[in-house]
């Protein structure tokens, strides 16, 4: 009976650990997507800046 209680406690802890791992993986995946999106935005802004600098240079020549 005590062994069964220990087993149930261990299973509950394992389930909790598994849920925590899933949450961590979801959060990690979400952060990776956010990082990728920010990287794309930065690249786009750099392109816009390059084009603006080129236009500015052409109009001042």
PDB file of N, CA and C in Angstrom:
ATOM      1  N   UNK A   1       0.827  -1.200   0.000  1.00  0.00           N
ATOM      2  CA  UNK A   1       0.000   0.000   0.000  1.00  0.00           C
ATOM      3  C   UNK A   1       0.872   1.265   0.000  1.00  0.00           C
ATOM      4  N   UNK A   2       1.911   1.268   0.841  1.00  0.00           N
ATOM      5  CA  UNK A   2       2.839   2.398   0.877  1.00  0.00           C
ATOM      6  C   UNK A   2       3.608   2.493  -0.438  1.00  0.00           C
ATOM      7  N   UNK A   3       3.933   1.337  -0.998  1.00  0.00           N
ATOM      8  CA  UNK A   3       4.642   1.310  -2.274  1.00  0.00           C
ATOM      9  C   UNK A   3       3.779   1.895  -3.384  1.00  0.00           C
ATOM     10  N   UNK A   4       2.501   1.581  -3.345  1.00  0.00           N
ATOM     11  CA  UNK A   4       1.567   2.115  -4.341  1.00  0.00           C
ATOM     12  C   UNK A   4       1.471   3.641  -4.220  1.00  0.00           C
ATOM     13  N   UNK A   5       1.429   4.145  -3.002  1.00  0.00           N
ATOM     14  CA  UNK A   5       1.381   5.595  -2.782  1.00  0.00           C
ATOM     15  C   UNK A   5       2.650   6.259  -3.315  1.00  0.00           C
ATOM     16  N   UNK A   6       3.797   5.627  -3.086  1.00  0.00           N
ATOM     17  CA  UNK A   6       5.062   6.159  -3.612  1.00  0.00           C
ATOM     18  C   UNK A   6       5.052   6.185  -5.133  1.00  0.00           C
ATOM     19  N   UNK A   7       4.525   5.119  -5.726  1.00  0.00           N
ATOM     20  CA  UNK A   7       4.437   5.035  -7.180  1.00  0.00           C
ATOM     21  C   UNK A   7       3.534   6.136  -7.733  1.00  0.00           C
ATOM     22  N   UNK A   8       2.396   6.358  -7.106  1.00  0.00           N
ATOM     23  CA  UNK A   8       1.474   7.408  -7.550  1.00  0.00           C
ATOM     24  C   UNK A   8       2.111   8.791  -7.418  1.00  0.00           C
ATOM     25  N   UNK A   9       2.841   9.001  -6.324  1.00  0.00           N
ATOM     26  CA  UNK A   9       3.537  10.278  -6.132  1.00  0.00           C
ATOM     27  C   UNK A   9       4.602  10.473  -7.209  1.00  0.00           C
ATOM     28  N   UNK A  10       5.351   9.427  -7.491  1.00  0.00           N
ATOM     29  CA  UNK A  10       6.391   9.502  -8.523  1.00  0.00           C
ATOM     30  C   UNK A  10       5.775   9.767  -9.890  1.00  0.00           C
ATOM     31  N   UNK A  11       4.653   9.122 -10.185  1.00  0.00           N
ATOM     32  CA  UNK A  11       3.967   9.349 -11.462  1.00  0.00           C
ATOM     33  C   UNK A  11       3.462  10.781 -11.565  1.00  0.00           C
ATOM     34  N   UNK A  12       2.923  11.300 -10.474  1.00  0.00           N
ATOM     35  CA  UNK A  12       2.432  12.683 -10.474  1.00  0.00           C
ATOM     36  C   UNK A  12       3.585  13.655 -10.709  1.00  0.00           C
ATOM     37  N   UNK A  13       4.726  13.395 -10.070  1.00  0.00           N
ATOM     38  CA  UNK A  13       5.891  14.260 -10.275  1.00  0.00           C
ATOM     39  C   UNK A  13       6.404  14.158 -11.703  1.00  0.00           C
ATOM     40  N   UNK A  14       6.386  12.958 -12.265  1.00  0.00           N
ATOM     41  CA  UNK A  14       6.824  12.772 -13.653  1.00  0.00           C
ATOM     42  C   UNK A  14       5.889  13.503 -14.612  1.00  0.00           C
ATOM     43  N   UNK A  15       4.582  13.424 -14.356  1.00  0.00           N
ATOM     44  CA  UNK A  15       3.609  14.141 -15.192  1.00  0.00           C
ATOM     45  C   UNK A  15       3.830  15.651 -15.111  1.00  0.00           C
ATOM     46  N   UNK A  16       4.063  16.147 -13.901  1.00  0.00           N
ATOM     47  CA  UNK A  16       4.308  17.582 -13.722  1.00  0.00           C
ATOM     48  C   UNK A  16       5.578  18.006 -14.450  1.00  0.00           C
ATOM     49  N   UNK A  17       6.619  17.189 -14.369  1.00  0.00           N
ATOM     50  CA  UNK A  17       7.875  17.495 -15.058  1.00  0.00           C
ATOM     51  C   UNK A  17       7.678  17.492 -16.569  1.00  0.00           C
ATOM     52  N   UNK A  18       6.881  16.554 -17.058  1.00  0.00           N
ATOM     53  CA  UNK A  18       6.604  16.483 -18.496  1.00  0.00           C
ATOM     54  C   UNK A  18       5.843  17.726 -18.963  1.00  0.00           C
ATOM     55  N   UNK A  19       4.874  18.174 -18.184  1.00  0.00           N
ATOM     56  CA  UNK A  19       4.120  19.383 -18.531  1.00  0.00           C
ATOM     57  C   UNK A  19       5.035  20.612 -18.523  1.00  0.00           C
ATOM     58  N   UNK A  20       5.924  20.660 -17.547  1.00  0.00           N
ATOM     59  CA  UNK A  20       6.863  21.777 -17.469  1.00  0.00           C
ATOM     60  C   UNK A  20       7.796  21.779 -18.675  1.00  0.00           C
ATOM     61  N   UNK A  21       8.245  20.601 -19.084  1.00  0.00           N
ATOM     62  CA  UNK A  21       9.107  20.488 -20.257  1.00  0.00           C
ATOM     63  C   UNK A  21       8.365  20.938 -21.516  1.00  0.00           C
ATOM     64  N   UNK A  22       7.113  20.511 -21.674  1.00  0.00           N
ATOM     65  CA  UNK A  22       6.324  20.924 -22.839  1.00  0.00           C
ATOM     66  C   UNK A  22       6.173  22.436 -22.884  1.00  0.00           C
ATOM     67  N   UNK A  23       5.889  23.053 -21.728  1.00  0.00           N
ATOM     68  CA  UNK A  23       5.734  24.509 -21.668  1.00  0.00           C
ATOM     69  C   UNK A  23       7.044  25.185 -22.051  1.00  0.00           C
ATOM     70  N   UNK A  24       8.147  24.672 -21.531  1.00  0.00           N
ATOM     71  CA  UNK A  24       9.452  25.231 -21.858  1.00  0.00           C
ATOM     72  C   UNK A  24       9.725  25.134 -23.356  1.00  0.00           C
ATOM     73  N   UNK A  25       9.405  23.985 -23.956  1.00  0.00           N
ATOM     74  CA  UNK A  25       9.628  23.798 -25.394  1.00  0.00           C
ATOM     75  C   UNK A  25       8.760  24.750 -26.207  1.00  0.00           C
ATOM     76  N   UNK A  26       7.505  24.941 -25.789  1.00  0.00           N
ATOM     77  CA  UNK A  26       6.619  25.871 -26.489  1.00  0.00           C
ATOM     78  C   UNK A  26       7.143  27.297 -26.376  1.00  0.00           C
ATOM     79  N   UNK A  27       7.577  27.680 -25.173  1.00  0.00           N
ATOM     80  CA  UNK A  27       8.131  29.021 -24.975  1.00  0.00           C
ATOM     81  C   UNK A  27       9.382  29.217 -25.817  1.00  0.00           C
ATOM     82  N   UNK A  28      10.226  28.197 -25.861  1.00  0.00           N
ATOM     83  CA  UNK A  28      11.461  28.265 -26.632  1.00  0.00           C
ATOM     84  C   UNK A  28      11.160  28.416 -28.122  1.00  0.00           C
ATOM     85  N   UNK A  29      10.203  27.643 -28.602  1.00  0.00           N
ATOM     86  CA  UNK A  29       9.811  27.718 -30.010  1.00  0.00           C
ATOM     87  C   UNK A  29       9.253  29.102 -30.331  1.00  0.00           C
ATOM     88  N   UNK A  30       8.449  29.624 -29.437  1.00  0.00           N
ATOM     89  CA  UNK A  30       7.868  30.952 -29.617  1.00  0.00           C
ATOM     90  C   UNK A  30       8.967  32.014 -29.683  1.00  0.00           C
ATOM     91  N   UNK A  31       9.968  31.888 -28.826  1.00  0.00           N
ATOM     92  CA  UNK A  31      11.083  32.849 -28.822  1.00  0.00           C
ATOM     93  C   UNK A  31      11.894  32.740 -30.112  1.00  0.00           C
ATOM     94  N   UNK A  32      12.075  31.526 -30.617  1.00  0.00           N
ATOM     95  CA  UNK A  32      12.814  31.348 -31.871  1.00  0.00           C
ATOM     96  C   UNK A  32      12.078  32.017 -33.032  1.00  0.00           C
ATOM     97  N   UNK A  33      10.756  31.871 -33.055  1.00  0.00           N
ATOM     98  CA  UNK A  33       9.952  32.502 -34.103  1.00  0.00           C
ATOM     99  C   UNK A  33      10.046  34.020 -33.985  1.00  0.00           C
ATOM    100  N   UNK A  34       9.941  34.523 -32.755  1.00  0.00           N
ATOM    101  CA  UNK A  34      10.039  35.965 -32.525  1.00  0.00           C
ATOM    102  C   UNK A  34      11.407  36.484 -32.969  1.00  0.00           C
ATOM    103  N   UNK A  35      12.460  35.755 -32.652  1.00  0.00           N
ATOM    104  CA  UNK A  35      13.813  36.142 -33.055  1.00  0.00           C
ATOM    105  C   UNK A  35      13.935  36.181 -34.573  1.00  0.00           C
ATOM    106  N   UNK A  36      13.391  35.174 -35.232  1.00  0.00           N
ATOM    107  CA  UNK A  36      13.439  35.114 -36.692  1.00  0.00           C
ATOM    108  C   UNK A  36      12.695  36.297 -37.313  1.00  0.00           C
ATOM    109  N   UNK A  37      11.514  36.599 -36.771  1.00  0.00           N
ATOM    110  CA  UNK A  37      10.730  37.726 -37.284  1.00  0.00           C
ATOM    111  C   UNK A  37      11.465  39.049 -37.087  1.00  0.00           C
ATOM    112  N   UNK A  38      12.085  39.228 -35.925  1.00  0.00           N
ATOM    113  CA  UNK A  38      12.841  40.454 -35.674  1.00  0.00           C
ATOM    114  C   UNK A  38      14.041  40.554 -36.608  1.00  0.00           C
ATOM    115  N   UNK A  39      14.688  39.429 -36.874  1.00  0.00           N
ATOM    116  CA  UNK A  39      15.830  39.424 -37.789  1.00  0.00           C
ATOM    117  C   UNK A  39      15.384  39.864 -39.188  1.00  0.00           C
ATOM    118  N   UNK A  40      14.229  39.371 -39.629  1.00  0.00           N
ATOM    119  CA  UNK A  40      13.701  39.762 -40.940  1.00  0.00           C
ATOM    120  C   UNK A  40      13.381  41.251 -40.981  1.00  0.00           C
ATOM    121  N   UNK A  41      12.805  41.774 -39.887  1.00  0.00           N
ATOM    122  CA  UNK A  41      12.484  43.202 -39.831  1.00  0.00           C
ATOM    123  C   UNK A  41      13.747  44.048 -39.895  1.00  0.00           C
ATOM    124  N   UNK A  42      14.786  43.634 -39.172  1.00  0.00           N
ATOM    125  CA  UNK A  42      16.051  44.363 -39.188  1.00  0.00           C
ATOM    126  C   UNK A  42      16.638  44.357 -40.599  1.00  0.00           C
ATOM    127  N   UNK A  43      16.611  43.222 -41.256  1.00  0.00           N
ATOM    128  CA  UNK A  43      17.136  43.130 -42.622  1.00  0.00           C
ATOM    129  C   UNK A  43      16.364  44.061 -43.554  1.00  0.00           C
ATOM    130  N   UNK A  44      15.052  44.100 -43.393  1.00  0.00           N
ATOM    131  CA  UNK A  44      14.219  44.975 -44.217  1.00  0.00           C
ATOM    132  C   UNK A  44      14.542  46.448 -43.949  1.00  0.00           C
ATOM    133  N   UNK A  45      14.701  46.800 -42.685  1.00  0.00           N
ATOM    134  CA  UNK A  45      15.041  48.184 -42.337  1.00  0.00           C
ATOM    135  C   UNK A  45      16.418  48.567 -42.867  1.00  0.00           C
ATOM    136  N   UNK A  46      17.363  47.629 -42.841  1.00  0.00           N
ATOM    137  CA  UNK A  46      18.697  47.905 -43.385  1.00  0.00           C
ATOM    138  C   UNK A  46      18.622  48.153 -44.888  1.00  0.00           C
ATOM    139  N   UNK A  47      17.793  47.383 -45.577  1.00  0.00           N
ATOM    140  CA  UNK A  47      17.605  47.581 -47.014  1.00  0.00           C
ATOM    141  C   UNK A  47      16.995  48.953 -47.283  1.00  0.00           C
ATOM    142  N   UNK A  48      15.961  49.302 -46.513  1.00  0.00           N
ATOM    143  CA  UNK A  48      15.332  50.620 -46.661  1.00  0.00           C
ATOM    144  C   UNK A  48      16.342  51.737 -46.412  1.00  0.00           C
ATOM    145  N   UNK A  49      17.165  51.574 -45.396  1.00  0.00           N
ATOM    146  CA  UNK A  49      18.173  52.581 -45.076  1.00  0.00           C
ATOM    147  C   UNK A  49      19.173  52.726 -46.218  1.00  0.00           C
ATOM    148  N   UNK A  50      19.626  51.604 -46.762  1.00  0.00           N
ATOM    149  CA  UNK A  50      20.569  51.646 -47.884  1.00  0.00           C
ATOM    150  C   UNK A  50      19.964  52.382 -49.077  1.00  0.00           C
ATOM    151  N   UNK A  51      18.697  52.090 -49.372  1.00  0.00           N
ATOM    152  CA  UNK A  51      18.026  52.742 -50.501  1.00  0.00           C
ATOM    153  C   UNK A  51      17.859  54.238 -50.246  1.00  0.00           C
ATOM    154  N   UNK A  52      17.518  54.595 -49.026  1.00  0.00           N
ATOM    155  CA  UNK A  52      17.351  56.008 -48.681  1.00  0.00           C
ATOM    156  C   UNK A  52      18.678  56.747 -48.778  1.00  0.00           C
ATOM    157  N   UNK A  53      19.746  56.130 -48.283  1.00  0.00           N
ATOM    158  CA  UNK A  53      21.070  56.752 -48.373  1.00  0.00           C
ATOM    159  C   UNK A  53      21.495  56.926 -49.822  1.00  0.00           C
ATOM    160  N   UNK A  54      21.194  55.946 -50.649  1.00  0.00           N
ATOM    161  CA  UNK A  54      21.542  56.026 -52.076  1.00  0.00           C
ATOM    162  C   UNK A  54      20.773  57.167 -52.739  1.00  0.00           C
ATOM    163  N   UNK A  55      19.478  57.250 -52.450  1.00  0.00           N
ATOM    164  CA  UNK A  55      18.647  58.316 -53.018  1.00  0.00           C
ATOM    165  C   UNK A  55      19.143  59.681 -52.555  1.00  0.00           C
ATOM    166  N   UNK A  56      19.464  59.792 -51.295  1.00  0.00           N
ATOM    167  CA  UNK A  56      19.961  61.050 -50.747  1.00  0.00           C
ATOM    168  C   UNK A  56      21.258  61.459 -51.426  1.00  0.00           C
ATOM    169  N   UNK A  57      22.137  60.493 -51.612  1.00  0.00           N
ATOM    170  CA  UNK A  57      23.423  60.772 -52.255  1.00  0.00           C
ATOM    171  C   UNK A  57      23.203  61.240 -53.692  1.00  0.00           C
ATOM    172  N   UNK A  58      22.266  60.595 -54.401  1.00  0.00           N
ATOM    173  CA  UNK A  58      21.990  60.956 -55.794  1.00  0.00           C
ATOM    174  C   UNK A  58      21.395  62.356 -55.894  1.00  0.00           C
ATOM    175  N   UNK A  59      20.563  62.734 -54.958  1.00  0.00           N
ATOM    176  CA  UNK A  59      19.911  64.049 -55.033  1.00  0.00           C
ATOM    177  C   UNK A  59      20.836  65.178 -54.596  1.00  0.00           C
ATOM    178  N   UNK A  60      21.889  64.872 -53.870  1.00  0.00           N
ATOM    179  CA  UNK A  60      22.810  65.926 -53.435  1.00  0.00           C
ATOM    180  C   UNK A  60      23.994  66.080 -54.375  1.00  0.00           C
ATOM    181  N   UNK A  61      24.114  65.200 -55.341  1.00  0.00           N
ATOM    182  CA  UNK A  61      25.235  65.294 -56.292  1.00  0.00           C
ATOM    183  C   UNK A  61      24.941  66.283 -57.384  1.00  0.00           C
TER     184      UNK A  61
END
